[in-house]
Amino acid sequence: MKRPGYLLCLVTLLLLALLASCGGGSDTAGGVGSGGTGASVGVVQVAVTDAPSQQFDHVWVTLSAIRFNPSASAGPDDAGWLSYPLATPVPVDLAALSNGALETVFNQLNLPAGSYQQVLLVLAGDADPLTAPAALQGLVYNDQVDYTDATGSHIVALNIANPAQGISVAGNFKVVAGQTLRLTFDFDVGNDVVQYELDGATAFTLKPKLGYFDMAHVGAVEGHIDMSSVTAAGAYDLVIKAEQPNAAGTLQQVVRATGVSADGSFVLYPVAIPQGQGTTSIDIMVRGRNMASMIIQGVPVTLGTTPQSPTQLTQTPIAVTASSEYSANLNSPLSPSGAAVELYQTLPGAGELPHEEIFRYTNPYTGTFIAPLFLPTAPLQVASYQQGADSQFTGTTPAEGAGAFQAFAEAPGFATGTVKVVPPASGSAPVGVAFGPSLPQASGVNTDSISGSIGQVAGTYNAGYLVLTMGGQIATTYDLSGTLAQNAGAGGRYTVSGLAGGSAGKALPGAIYYGSVTVWNSASPQATLVVEHVAGSADLRQGNAAGFDVTLK
């Protein structure tokens, strides 16, 4: 992308400085922001979408502001941010945004023309006072999960770790004077909403790994699943994934995902198309429980296609094939506890890249999975896209072996751990997946630490965690039970080590940690549970930092 001219840069910097001094812009869902006027200003519209999971009835989040910065390395408290708070926060049911549905949140923001490298989506916290719009929706919390299980219907708070710092999305957001940039941010509640047990109670936290789309450069693909074959196979929890090679050209990674409607239809939209191109190609993965995973290769996505006029994947519904399964789980907790695990299978043949089948965050409080993974043993069902005709599937044993997978564990600032997962020779016990006690630091990243103190009236709390977030995601947690027991139950010092950071000679952008403390007394966990967001941050961009000194109420 070309750099803007000197005059445009100067105008942009002056506007940024002026807006920063005035506290940024403001906006309502249908109004015009105060980011500037005239020929040097462009308009930004912001929507959200999701790839829903059948696990939840509703997943509500309440958006309160959006922020833009021309620097990819700026922390939430650094200078240069343009802030646009919503006059009225907007509750969004992410679980309702399936099959290409979008919900506009910011209708018209006026931004100085230029390139922005980072966006922060700011949510109202689940522990904050209930906003009026959330109350009008009948919500109990600003952010909540509604789900149904064998014991009935449940409403549970969706914990947002340090919501005031926002969810960071890096990219290249180019605002052109006199033009409109339409952005859509992509949640994925099937992956982003992480269930955990907190002293026996079911709880959920949001760990978003947001993508985004420039809506001027997207297309759509539509398909149908034969639901009678799903019933015959006993299959369920189907998910459809659009995959493309990652930037390194080493893996086929998911770029968009969706669920399947009751009639078997699905729409992948929006799917990104590179600027300057009229089409792109994706592989489509169809997977679910009790069924063989399916791959359709070389599916074209054409610029300008929409859910109303999409590329048709096949002429008749796609029939699924039944498969037996085996379960797998981690042998030991992963460190950092906010890591994610991905499972891949590779088609045989030269040049084939592993396709992502399963993505799962660990329980951030334990570093393990709350439930095992279930993996198919049947061969992959593989076909090539046929325009105007049905794809013909062939059973194909992956390069890893029958029913085998490559498993990768990853976390920001850490090197990827890799192990192979193979079906058990016999029996039904879960297969153990062992990455080792901790992931190694990535090349050029230091192992840094945060130290601080936790104080309380002696004996008030005896259990809890310090939760450290980075970029709006839980990076790791630290068990505070030992700290709370110090000094006859009045609390004491803690040190969290093994954190990704930089050094004086080589800074690590983004290594700014925010903290919250969740504590309770085990004699009455639910009645004494307290969540306290800690003021300030621990900046590890250039090495070890003082942590958070907290006096609990």
Protein backbone atom coordinates (compact mmCIF):
# COMPACT_ATOMS: atom_id res chain seq x y z
CA MET A 1 0.00 0.00 0.00
CA LYS A 2 1.36 3.45 -0.91
CA ARG A 3 2.22 5.90 1.82
CA PRO A 4 0.07 9.06 1.93
CA GLY A 5 1.70 12.25 0.74
CA TYR A 6 3.50 14.65 3.07
CA LEU A 7 0.63 17.13 3.23
CA LEU A 8 -1.94 14.45 4.02
CA CYS A 9 0.31 13.05 6.75
CA LEU A 10 0.71 16.52 8.26
CA VAL A 11 -3.03 17.19 8.20
CA THR A 12 -3.75 13.76 9.67
CA LEU A 13 -1.25 14.20 12.51
CA LEU A 14 -2.63 17.65 13.34
CA LEU A 15 -6.17 16.27 13.43
CA LEU A 16 -5.07 13.34 15.58
CA ALA A 17 -3.39 15.68 18.04
CA LEU A 18 -6.45 17.95 18.15
CA LEU A 19 -8.85 15.07 18.67
CA ALA A 20 -6.65 13.47 21.32
CA SER A 21 -6.62 16.75 23.23
CA CYS A 22 -10.43 16.91 23.00
CA GLY A 23 -10.96 13.33 24.11
CA GLY A 24 -11.76 11.93 20.67
CA GLY A 25 -15.07 11.65 18.87
CA SER A 26 -18.47 10.47 19.93
CA ASP A 27 -21.18 8.58 18.13
CA THR A 28 -24.58 7.06 18.39
CA ALA A 29 -25.72 4.02 16.49
CA GLY A 30 -27.40 6.23 13.89
CA GLY A 31 -25.53 9.51 14.31
CA VAL A 32 -22.42 11.19 12.93
CA GLY A 33 -19.23 11.20 14.94
CA SER A 34 -17.33 14.41 15.73
CA GLY A 35 -14.01 13.20 14.37
CA GLY A 36 -13.78 16.07 11.88
CA THR A 37 -15.31 17.60 8.80
CA GLY A 38 -14.32 18.51 5.28
CA ALA A 39 -12.38 16.84 2.50
CA SER A 40 -9.80 15.30 4.88
CA VAL A 41 -12.39 13.11 6.61
CA GLY A 42 -13.76 9.69 5.70
CA VAL A 43 -16.66 7.71 7.12
CA VAL A 44 -16.45 4.34 8.89
CA GLN A 45 -19.37 1.99 9.46
CA VAL A 46 -18.94 -0.94 11.84
CA ALA A 47 -20.94 -4.17 12.04
CA VAL A 48 -20.41 -7.47 13.87
CA THR A 49 -21.07 -11.05 12.82
CA ASP A 50 -20.49 -14.46 14.30
CA ALA A 51 -20.05 -18.17 13.68
CA PRO A 52 -22.52 -19.46 16.25
CA SER A 53 -22.42 -22.65 18.25
CA GLN A 54 -25.36 -24.94 18.94
CA GLN A 55 -24.16 -25.08 22.55
CA PHE A 56 -25.83 -21.77 23.45
CA ASP A 57 -29.34 -20.32 23.12
CA HIS A 58 -28.04 -16.74 23.33
CA VAL A 59 -24.70 -15.05 23.87
CA TRP A 60 -25.11 -11.36 24.65
CA VAL A 61 -22.37 -8.74 24.67
CA THR A 62 -22.94 -5.01 25.13
CA LEU A 63 -20.72 -2.77 23.02
CA SER A 64 -20.00 0.67 24.45
CA ALA A 65 -17.21 2.24 22.35
CA ILE A 66 -14.71 1.80 19.54
CA ARG A 67 -11.19 3.25 19.31
CA PHE A 68 -8.72 3.68 16.43
CA ASN A 69 -4.93 4.15 16.48
CA PRO A 70 -2.42 4.61 13.62
CA SER A 71 0.15 2.55 15.58
CA ALA A 72 0.04 -1.25 15.72
CA SER A 73 2.13 -1.24 18.92
CA ALA A 74 0.15 1.32 20.94
CA GLY A 75 -1.16 0.13 24.28
CA PRO A 76 -4.69 0.98 25.43
CA ASP A 77 -3.35 3.76 27.65
CA ASP A 78 -0.88 5.18 25.11
CA ALA A 79 -1.45 8.41 23.17
CA GLY A 80 -2.92 8.66 19.69
CA TRP A 81 -6.27 6.96 20.16
CA LEU A 82 -9.45 8.31 18.59
CA SER A 83 -12.31 7.25 20.85
CA TYR A 84 -15.95 7.00 19.81
CA PRO A 85 -18.22 6.09 22.72
CA LEU A 86 -21.78 5.09 21.94
CA ALA A 87 -24.27 7.50 23.47
CA THR A 88 -26.42 4.41 23.99
CA PRO A 89 -24.60 1.05 24.45
CA VAL A 90 -25.74 -1.66 22.04
CA PRO A 91 -26.49 -5.22 23.27
CA VAL A 92 -25.86 -7.81 20.54
CA ASP A 93 -26.90 -11.47 20.59
CA LEU A 94 -23.92 -13.06 18.87
CA ALA A 95 -25.65 -16.44 18.71
CA ALA A 96 -28.30 -14.93 16.41
CA LEU A 97 -25.78 -13.76 13.80
CA SER A 98 -25.56 -16.94 11.76
CA ASN A 99 -25.18 -17.66 8.06
CA GLY A 100 -24.02 -14.22 6.96
CA ALA A 101 -26.23 -12.14 9.26
CA LEU A 102 -24.66 -8.82 10.28
CA GLU A 103 -25.63 -6.26 12.91
CA THR A 104 -24.56 -2.65 12.46
CA VAL A 105 -23.30 -1.07 15.65
CA PHE A 106 -21.64 2.17 14.55
CA ASN A 107 -23.48 3.61 11.57
CA GLN A 108 -21.40 6.65 10.67
CA LEU A 109 -18.08 7.58 12.27
CA ASN A 110 -16.13 10.55 10.92
CA LEU A 111 -12.40 9.77 11.00
CA PRO A 112 -9.44 11.76 9.69
CA ALA A 113 -8.23 10.21 6.44
CA GLY A 114 -5.21 7.95 6.85
CA SER A 115 -4.15 4.43 7.77
CA TYR A 116 -5.02 2.98 11.15
CA GLN A 117 -3.25 -0.16 12.35
CA GLN A 118 -5.28 -1.05 15.42
CA VAL A 119 -8.89 -1.01 16.59
CA LEU A 120 -10.22 -1.57 20.11
CA LEU A 121 -13.79 -2.78 20.61
CA VAL A 122 -14.86 -1.81 24.13
CA LEU A 123 -17.58 -3.74 25.96
CA ALA A 124 -19.60 -2.90 29.04
CA GLY A 125 -18.46 -5.31 31.74
CA ASP A 126 -20.63 -8.10 33.12
CA ALA A 127 -19.98 -6.75 36.63
CA ASP A 128 -20.84 -3.15 35.63
CA PRO A 129 -24.28 -1.71 36.43
CA LEU A 130 -26.83 -3.03 33.95
CA THR A 131 -27.17 -0.61 31.03
CA ALA A 132 -30.64 0.57 30.09
CA PRO A 133 -30.51 -1.07 26.62
CA ALA A 134 -29.50 -4.40 28.20
CA ALA A 135 -32.38 -4.08 30.66
CA LEU A 136 -34.79 -3.44 27.77
CA GLN A 137 -33.63 -6.74 26.24
CA GLY A 138 -34.54 -8.48 29.50
CA LEU A 139 -30.90 -9.24 30.33
CA VAL A 140 -29.61 -9.89 33.83
CA TYR A 141 -26.04 -8.91 32.92
CA ASN A 142 -24.56 -6.66 30.24
CA ASP A 143 -22.79 -9.76 28.92
CA GLN A 144 -24.43 -13.12 29.48
CA VAL A 145 -24.80 -16.69 28.23
CA ASP A 146 -28.20 -18.39 28.01
CA TYR A 147 -28.03 -22.15 27.59
CA THR A 148 -30.13 -25.26 28.10
CA ASP A 149 -28.92 -28.62 29.37
CA ALA A 150 -30.42 -31.73 30.93
CA THR A 151 -31.14 -29.82 34.14
CA GLY A 152 -33.04 -26.97 32.45
CA SER A 153 -32.43 -23.42 31.22
CA HIS A 154 -29.65 -21.27 32.67
CA ILE A 155 -28.56 -17.62 32.57
CA VAL A 156 -24.92 -17.06 33.50
CA ALA A 157 -22.75 -13.95 33.37
CA LEU A 158 -20.23 -13.89 30.53
CA ASN A 159 -17.06 -12.73 32.23
CA ILE A 160 -15.19 -10.02 30.30
CA ALA A 161 -11.64 -9.72 31.59
CA ASN A 162 -10.74 -6.02 31.92
CA PRO A 163 -13.44 -4.73 29.54
CA ALA A 164 -12.33 -1.08 29.74
CA GLN A 165 -9.11 -1.91 27.85
CA GLY A 166 -11.07 -3.28 24.90
CA ILE A 167 -10.50 -6.14 22.48
CA SER A 168 -7.53 -5.38 20.23
CA VAL A 169 -7.79 -6.06 16.50
CA ALA A 170 -4.68 -5.45 14.39
CA GLY A 171 -4.98 -4.73 10.69
CA ASN A 172 -4.68 -2.09 8.01
CA PHE A 173 -7.76 0.12 8.14
CA LYS A 174 -7.43 2.75 5.41
CA VAL A 175 -9.81 5.69 5.69
CA VAL A 176 -10.07 7.66 2.43
CA ALA A 177 -11.35 11.25 2.40
CA GLY A 178 -14.92 11.47 1.19
CA GLN A 179 -15.40 7.68 1.10
CA THR A 180 -16.99 5.10 3.40
CA LEU A 181 -15.06 2.19 4.90
CA ARG A 182 -17.44 -0.60 5.93
CA LEU A 183 -15.90 -2.92 8.51
CA THR A 184 -17.32 -6.12 9.96
CA PHE A 185 -15.73 -7.72 13.01
CA ASP A 186 -16.07 -11.48 13.32
CA PHE A 187 -16.70 -13.20 16.65
CA ASP A 188 -16.88 -16.99 16.97
CA VAL A 189 -18.83 -17.98 20.08
CA GLY A 190 -18.14 -21.67 19.49
CA ASN A 191 -14.48 -20.94 20.21
CA ASP A 192 -14.49 -17.55 21.93
CA VAL A 193 -16.84 -18.43 24.79
CA VAL A 194 -14.86 -20.65 27.15
CA GLN A 195 -16.63 -22.66 29.81
CA TYR A 196 -14.92 -23.32 33.13
CA GLU A 197 -15.76 -24.45 36.64
CA LEU A 198 -15.15 -21.98 39.46
CA ASP A 199 -15.33 -23.82 42.77
CA GLY A 200 -18.00 -26.13 41.38
CA ALA A 201 -20.12 -23.50 39.61
CA THR A 202 -20.40 -23.37 35.81
CA ALA A 203 -19.07 -20.11 34.42
CA PHE A 204 -18.08 -18.63 31.07
CA THR A 205 -15.48 -16.14 29.92
CA LEU A 206 -14.99 -14.40 26.58
CA LYS A 207 -11.60 -14.99 24.98
CA PRO A 208 -12.10 -13.37 21.59
CA LYS A 209 -9.79 -13.93 18.65
CA LEU A 210 -11.45 -11.41 16.37
CA GLY A 211 -11.07 -11.21 12.62
CA TYR A 212 -12.35 -8.40 10.44
CA PHE A 213 -13.57 -7.82 6.89
CA ASP A 214 -13.51 -4.81 4.58
CA MET A 215 -16.98 -5.23 3.08
CA ALA A 216 -15.87 -3.76 -0.26
CA HIS A 217 -13.73 -6.88 -0.76
CA VAL A 218 -15.86 -9.89 0.16
CA GLY A 219 -18.02 -12.62 -1.37
CA ALA A 220 -20.37 -15.42 -0.37
CA VAL A 221 -20.78 -19.20 -0.78
CA GLU A 222 -24.00 -21.11 -0.11
CA GLY A 223 -24.47 -24.83 0.41
CA HIS A 224 -26.85 -27.44 1.80
CA ILE A 225 -26.34 -30.50 4.00
CA ASP A 226 -28.61 -33.53 3.54
CA MET A 227 -30.22 -33.58 6.99
CA SER A 228 -31.60 -37.08 6.47
CA SER A 229 -28.01 -38.33 6.22
CA VAL A 230 -27.18 -36.40 9.39
CA THR A 231 -30.02 -38.15 11.19
CA ALA A 232 -29.02 -41.55 9.82
CA ALA A 233 -25.40 -41.07 10.97
CA GLY A 234 -26.41 -39.76 14.39
CA ALA A 235 -24.29 -36.69 13.63
CA TYR A 236 -24.66 -33.33 15.39
CA ASP A 237 -22.85 -30.03 16.12
CA LEU A 238 -21.98 -29.54 12.45
CA VAL A 239 -19.75 -26.60 11.59
CA ILE A 240 -18.70 -25.31 8.16
CA LYS A 241 -15.26 -23.73 7.81
CA ALA A 242 -13.70 -21.75 4.97
CA GLU A 243 -9.94 -22.30 4.95
CA GLN A 244 -6.99 -20.70 3.17
CA PRO A 245 -3.18 -20.94 3.55
CA ASN A 246 -1.79 -18.84 6.39
CA ALA A 247 0.70 -16.03 5.75
CA ALA A 248 3.65 -18.40 6.19
CA GLY A 249 2.19 -20.89 3.70
CA THR A 250 2.45 -23.74 6.20
CA LEU A 251 -1.17 -24.43 7.24
CA GLN A 252 -4.73 -24.20 5.95
CA GLN A 253 -6.36 -21.98 8.56
CA VAL A 254 -9.97 -21.00 9.12
CA VAL A 255 -10.90 -17.58 7.69
CA ARG A 256 -14.67 -17.85 8.22
CA ALA A 257 -16.99 -20.36 9.85
CA THR A 258 -20.71 -20.84 10.26
CA GLY A 259 -23.31 -23.28 11.52
CA VAL A 260 -26.00 -25.23 9.70
CA SER A 261 -29.66 -24.17 9.74
CA ALA A 262 -32.42 -26.60 10.61
CA ASP A 263 -33.14 -27.15 6.89
CA GLY A 264 -29.46 -27.95 6.22
CA SER A 265 -28.60 -24.67 4.52
CA PHE A 266 -25.51 -22.62 5.31
CA VAL A 267 -23.90 -19.44 4.03
CA LEU A 268 -20.23 -18.50 4.37
CA TYR A 269 -20.28 -14.69 4.34
CA PRO A 270 -18.34 -12.50 4.42
CA VAL A 271 -15.30 -14.24 2.92
CA ALA A 272 -12.38 -11.90 2.24
CA ILE A 273 -11.09 -11.36 -1.29
CA PRO A 274 -7.68 -9.66 -1.69
CA GLN A 275 -7.78 -6.07 -2.91
CA GLY A 276 -7.34 -5.82 -6.65
CA GLN A 277 -8.67 -9.34 -7.26
CA GLY A 278 -12.11 -10.34 -8.48
CA THR A 279 -12.05 -13.81 -6.97
CA THR A 280 -10.29 -16.03 -4.48
CA SER A 281 -10.28 -19.74 -3.71
CA ILE A 282 -11.07 -21.52 -0.45
CA ASP A 283 -11.25 -25.09 0.80
CA ILE A 284 -14.41 -25.89 2.74
CA MET A 285 -14.27 -28.17 5.77
CA VAL A 286 -17.47 -29.82 7.05
CA ARG A 287 -17.12 -31.49 10.42
CA GLY A 288 -19.22 -32.55 13.37
CA ARG A 289 -19.72 -35.27 15.96
CA ASN A 290 -20.21 -38.90 14.84
CA MET A 291 -19.31 -38.15 11.24
CA ALA A 292 -16.34 -38.23 8.88
CA SER A 293 -14.79 -34.82 8.23
CA MET A 294 -15.25 -33.57 4.67
CA ILE A 295 -13.12 -31.27 2.49
CA ILE A 296 -14.18 -29.62 -0.78
CA GLN A 297 -11.13 -28.12 -2.46
CA GLY A 298 -10.83 -25.16 -4.78
CA VAL A 299 -14.16 -23.43 -4.12
CA PRO A 300 -14.24 -20.03 -5.87
CA VAL A 301 -15.48 -16.92 -4.05
CA THR A 302 -16.41 -14.04 -6.35
CA LEU A 303 -16.24 -10.36 -5.44
CA GLY A 304 -19.67 -8.87 -4.84
CA THR A 305 -21.54 -12.12 -4.23
CA THR A 306 -23.84 -11.91 -1.20
CA PRO A 307 -26.12 -14.22 0.79
CA GLN A 308 -28.82 -13.23 -1.71
CA SER A 309 -26.64 -14.05 -4.75
CA PRO A 310 -23.91 -16.48 -3.60
CA THR A 311 -21.71 -19.05 -5.29
CA GLN A 312 -23.57 -22.36 -5.17
CA LEU A 313 -21.41 -25.08 -3.65
CA THR A 314 -23.32 -28.08 -5.02
CA GLN A 315 -26.52 -28.75 -6.95
CA THR A 316 -27.92 -31.26 -4.43
CA PRO A 317 -27.46 -31.42 -0.63
CA ILE A 318 -24.21 -32.88 0.67
CA ALA A 319 -24.61 -36.25 2.38
CA VAL A 320 -22.47 -36.95 5.44
CA THR A 321 -20.88 -40.28 6.38
CA ALA A 322 -21.03 -41.85 9.84
CA SER A 323 -17.81 -42.33 11.80
CA SER A 324 -16.76 -43.81 15.11
CA GLU A 325 -14.88 -41.51 17.49
CA TYR A 326 -12.27 -41.56 20.22
CA SER A 327 -11.64 -38.97 22.91
CA ALA A 328 -8.47 -37.05 23.68
CA ASN A 329 -7.45 -34.73 26.49
CA LEU A 330 -4.38 -32.97 27.82
CA ASN A 331 -2.14 -35.02 30.09
CA SER A 332 -1.16 -31.98 32.11
CA PRO A 333 -1.99 -28.27 32.32
CA LEU A 334 -0.62 -25.99 29.62
CA SER A 335 1.36 -22.92 30.57
CA PRO A 336 0.43 -20.19 29.85
CA SER A 337 -3.06 -21.25 30.85
CA GLY A 338 -4.66 -19.04 28.19
CA ALA A 339 -3.22 -21.18 25.37
CA ALA A 340 -5.19 -22.64 22.47
CA VAL A 341 -4.92 -26.07 20.86
CA GLU A 342 -5.60 -26.78 17.18
CA LEU A 343 -5.87 -30.17 15.49
CA TYR A 344 -5.03 -30.70 11.81
CA GLN A 345 -5.07 -33.43 9.19
CA THR A 346 -3.12 -33.38 5.92
CA LEU A 347 -4.21 -34.78 2.58
CA PRO A 348 -1.62 -37.07 0.99
CA GLY A 349 0.34 -35.67 -1.93
CA ALA A 350 3.04 -33.13 -2.66
CA GLY A 351 2.35 -29.56 -1.59
CA GLU A 352 -0.70 -30.33 0.56
CA LEU A 353 -1.02 -28.24 3.72
CA PRO A 354 -2.60 -29.46 6.97
CA HIS A 355 -6.29 -28.48 7.30
CA GLU A 356 -7.58 -27.19 10.62
CA GLU A 357 -10.41 -29.32 12.01
CA ILE A 358 -10.68 -28.44 15.70
CA PHE A 359 -9.83 -25.31 17.70
CA ARG A 360 -10.16 -25.28 21.49
CA TYR A 361 -9.02 -22.85 24.18
CA THR A 362 -7.92 -24.36 27.46
CA ASN A 363 -9.79 -23.50 30.62
CA PRO A 364 -7.80 -20.35 31.56
CA TYR A 365 -7.99 -21.19 35.26
CA THR A 366 -6.60 -24.71 34.96
CA GLY A 367 -4.71 -24.91 31.64
CA THR A 368 -6.69 -28.06 30.72
CA PHE A 369 -9.88 -28.78 28.77
CA ILE A 370 -13.12 -28.83 30.69
CA ALA A 371 -14.26 -31.68 28.41
CA PRO A 372 -12.30 -33.99 26.10
CA LEU A 373 -12.03 -33.61 22.34
CA PHE A 374 -13.83 -36.19 20.19
CA LEU A 375 -12.00 -37.18 17.02
CA PRO A 376 -13.31 -39.18 14.01
CA THR A 377 -11.59 -42.38 12.96
CA ALA A 378 -13.09 -42.58 9.46
CA PRO A 379 -11.09 -41.45 6.39
CA LEU A 380 -11.50 -37.88 5.25
CA GLN A 381 -14.16 -37.45 2.58
CA VAL A 382 -12.47 -35.33 -0.11
CA ALA A 383 -13.81 -33.75 -3.30
CA SER A 384 -12.94 -31.00 -5.78
CA TYR A 385 -15.38 -28.19 -6.53
CA GLN A 386 -17.37 -28.73 -9.73
CA GLN A 387 -19.10 -25.66 -11.13
CA GLY A 388 -22.73 -26.40 -11.89
CA ALA A 389 -22.41 -30.01 -10.72
CA ASP A 390 -22.12 -32.08 -7.57
CA SER A 391 -18.74 -32.77 -6.01
CA GLN A 392 -17.78 -36.45 -5.89
CA PHE A 393 -16.31 -37.46 -2.53
CA THR A 394 -13.61 -40.08 -2.05
CA GLY A 395 -12.51 -41.60 1.26
CA THR A 396 -8.90 -40.55 1.83
CA THR A 397 -6.59 -41.57 4.69
CA PRO A 398 -4.71 -38.47 5.93
CA ALA A 399 -0.93 -38.31 5.81
CA GLU A 400 -0.86 -38.56 9.63
CA GLY A 401 -2.46 -42.03 9.43
CA ALA A 402 -5.97 -43.40 9.95
CA GLY A 403 -7.73 -41.31 12.59
CA ALA A 404 -4.50 -39.49 13.51
CA PHE A 405 -3.98 -35.74 13.88
CA GLN A 406 -1.27 -33.14 14.31
CA ALA A 407 -1.90 -31.06 17.43
CA PHE A 408 -0.50 -27.57 17.89
CA ALA A 409 -0.52 -25.49 21.08
CA GLU A 410 -0.05 -21.75 20.73
CA ALA A 411 -0.10 -18.53 22.72
CA PRO A 412 1.06 -14.97 21.87
CA GLY A 413 4.81 -14.63 22.41
CA PHE A 414 5.39 -18.38 22.66
CA ALA A 415 6.71 -20.94 20.21
CA THR A 416 4.20 -23.48 18.93
CA GLY A 417 4.19 -26.88 20.62
CA THR A 418 3.55 -29.87 18.34
CA VAL A 419 2.55 -33.46 19.09
CA LYS A 420 0.85 -36.27 17.17
CA VAL A 421 -2.47 -37.70 18.34
CA VAL A 422 -3.28 -41.29 17.34
CA PRO A 423 -6.33 -43.46 18.07
CA PRO A 424 -6.07 -45.91 20.97
CA ALA A 425 -5.20 -49.51 20.16
CA SER A 426 -8.16 -50.60 22.28
CA GLY A 427 -10.43 -49.43 25.07
CA SER A 428 -12.35 -46.22 25.57
CA ALA A 429 -10.06 -44.24 27.88
CA PRO A 430 -9.14 -40.78 26.54
CA VAL A 431 -5.90 -40.53 24.60
CA GLY A 432 -3.41 -38.36 26.45
CA VAL A 433 -1.97 -35.32 24.67
CA ALA A 434 1.30 -34.13 26.18
CA PHE A 435 2.87 -30.81 25.16
CA GLY A 436 5.05 -30.51 28.24
CA PRO A 437 4.52 -28.32 31.29
CA SER A 438 5.03 -25.03 29.42
CA LEU A 439 5.42 -23.69 25.90
CA PRO A 440 8.85 -22.29 25.05
CA GLN A 441 9.26 -18.59 24.42
CA ALA A 442 9.27 -17.55 20.78
CA SER A 443 12.55 -16.48 19.21
CA GLY A 444 13.50 -12.96 20.31
CA VAL A 445 10.98 -12.93 23.17
CA ASN A 446 12.13 -12.75 26.78
CA THR A 447 10.78 -14.64 29.78
CA ASP A 448 9.67 -11.84 32.09
CA SER A 449 7.74 -11.57 35.33
CA ILE A 450 5.30 -9.43 37.30
CA SER A 451 5.44 -9.03 41.08
CA GLY A 452 3.06 -7.39 43.52
CA SER A 453 1.03 -7.84 46.69
CA ILE A 454 -2.47 -8.87 47.72
CA GLY A 455 -3.76 -7.65 51.09
CA GLN A 456 -7.04 -8.27 52.96
CA VAL A 457 -8.68 -8.36 56.36
CA ALA A 458 -7.25 -11.61 57.69
CA GLY A 459 -9.23 -14.67 56.65
CA THR A 460 -11.79 -12.93 54.43
CA TYR A 461 -10.83 -14.91 51.31
CA ASN A 462 -8.81 -18.08 50.99
CA ALA A 463 -9.04 -18.91 47.28
CA GLY A 464 -8.86 -17.09 43.98
CA TYR A 465 -6.87 -16.09 40.92
CA LEU A 466 -5.03 -13.15 39.47
CA VAL A 467 -6.12 -12.94 35.82
CA LEU A 468 -3.68 -11.30 33.40
CA THR A 469 -4.96 -10.11 30.04
CA MET A 470 -3.16 -8.88 26.94
CA GLY A 471 -4.98 -7.33 23.98
CA GLY A 472 -8.34 -8.13 25.56
CA GLN A 473 -7.58 -11.85 25.89
CA ILE A 474 -6.72 -13.86 28.99
CA ALA A 475 -2.99 -14.55 28.75
CA THR A 476 -2.63 -16.56 31.95
CA THR A 477 -3.90 -16.88 35.51
CA TYR A 478 -2.13 -17.22 38.83
CA ASP A 479 -3.49 -19.17 41.81
CA LEU A 480 -3.67 -16.78 44.79
CA SER A 481 -4.53 -19.30 47.50
CA GLY A 482 -0.94 -19.39 48.75
CA THR A 483 -0.64 -15.60 48.65
CA LEU A 484 -3.89 -15.11 50.57
CA ALA A 485 -2.70 -17.51 53.29
CA GLN A 486 0.46 -15.50 54.00
CA ASN A 487 0.79 -13.45 57.20
CA ALA A 488 -1.91 -15.40 59.05
CA GLY A 489 -4.41 -14.91 56.26
CA ALA A 490 -3.79 -11.20 55.72
CA GLY A 491 -2.14 -11.76 52.32
CA GLY A 492 1.33 -11.13 50.98
CA ARG A 493 3.57 -11.08 47.92
CA TYR A 494 3.23 -12.91 44.60
CA THR A 495 5.36 -13.29 41.47
CA VAL A 496 3.98 -14.42 38.10
CA SER A 497 6.87 -15.66 35.97
CA GLY A 498 7.15 -17.11 32.47
CA LEU A 499 5.43 -14.15 30.79
CA ALA A 500 6.20 -13.05 27.24
CA GLY A 501 8.01 -9.71 27.29
CA GLY A 502 10.76 -7.65 25.74
CA SER A 503 13.98 -6.07 26.87
CA ALA A 504 15.66 -2.69 26.89
CA GLY A 505 17.46 -3.66 23.69
CA LYS A 506 14.47 -5.24 21.93
CA ALA A 507 10.95 -4.18 22.85
CA LEU A 508 8.01 -6.56 22.39
CA PRO A 509 4.99 -4.60 21.07
CA GLY A 510 1.72 -5.50 22.74
CA ALA A 511 3.29 -6.94 25.91
CA ILE A 512 1.13 -4.80 28.20
CA TYR A 513 -0.70 -6.80 30.86
CA TYR A 514 -3.84 -5.80 32.72
CA GLY A 515 -5.06 -7.52 35.83
CA SER A 516 -8.22 -8.51 37.65
CA VAL A 517 -8.61 -10.46 40.86
CA THR A 518 -11.29 -13.11 41.41
CA VAL A 519 -11.45 -14.32 45.02
CA TRP A 520 -13.83 -16.17 47.32
CA ASN A 521 -14.01 -18.03 50.60
CA SER A 522 -14.32 -21.77 50.01
CA ALA A 523 -16.72 -22.09 52.95
CA SER A 524 -19.32 -20.20 50.88
CA PRO A 525 -17.96 -19.69 47.34
CA GLN A 526 -20.95 -18.12 45.58
CA ALA A 527 -21.94 -15.82 48.45
CA THR A 528 -18.41 -14.44 48.83
CA LEU A 529 -17.27 -14.31 45.19
CA VAL A 530 -15.69 -10.95 44.31
CA VAL A 531 -14.25 -9.80 40.98
CA GLU A 532 -12.10 -6.68 41.14
CA HIS A 533 -10.56 -5.03 38.07
CA VAL A 534 -7.18 -3.58 38.99
CA ALA A 535 -6.21 -0.05 38.01
CA GLY A 536 -3.09 0.45 35.90
CA SER A 537 -1.05 -1.99 33.87
CA ALA A 538 2.21 -3.93 33.89
CA ASP A 539 4.21 -2.89 30.84
CA LEU A 540 6.60 -5.69 29.82
CA ARG A 541 7.41 -4.26 26.42
CA GLN A 542 10.94 -3.59 27.67
CA GLY A 543 11.28 -6.18 30.43
CA ASN A 544 10.16 -7.00 33.96
CA ALA A 545 7.69 -4.64 35.59
CA ALA A 546 6.12 -3.91 38.93
CA GLY A 547 2.79 -5.66 39.14
CA PHE A 548 -0.49 -4.96 40.86
CA ASP A 549 -0.76 -4.13 44.55
CA VAL A 550 -4.33 -4.87 45.58
CA THR A 551 -6.11 -4.37 48.87
CA LEU A 552 -9.27 -6.46 48.82
CA LYS A 553 -12.46 -5.06 50.28
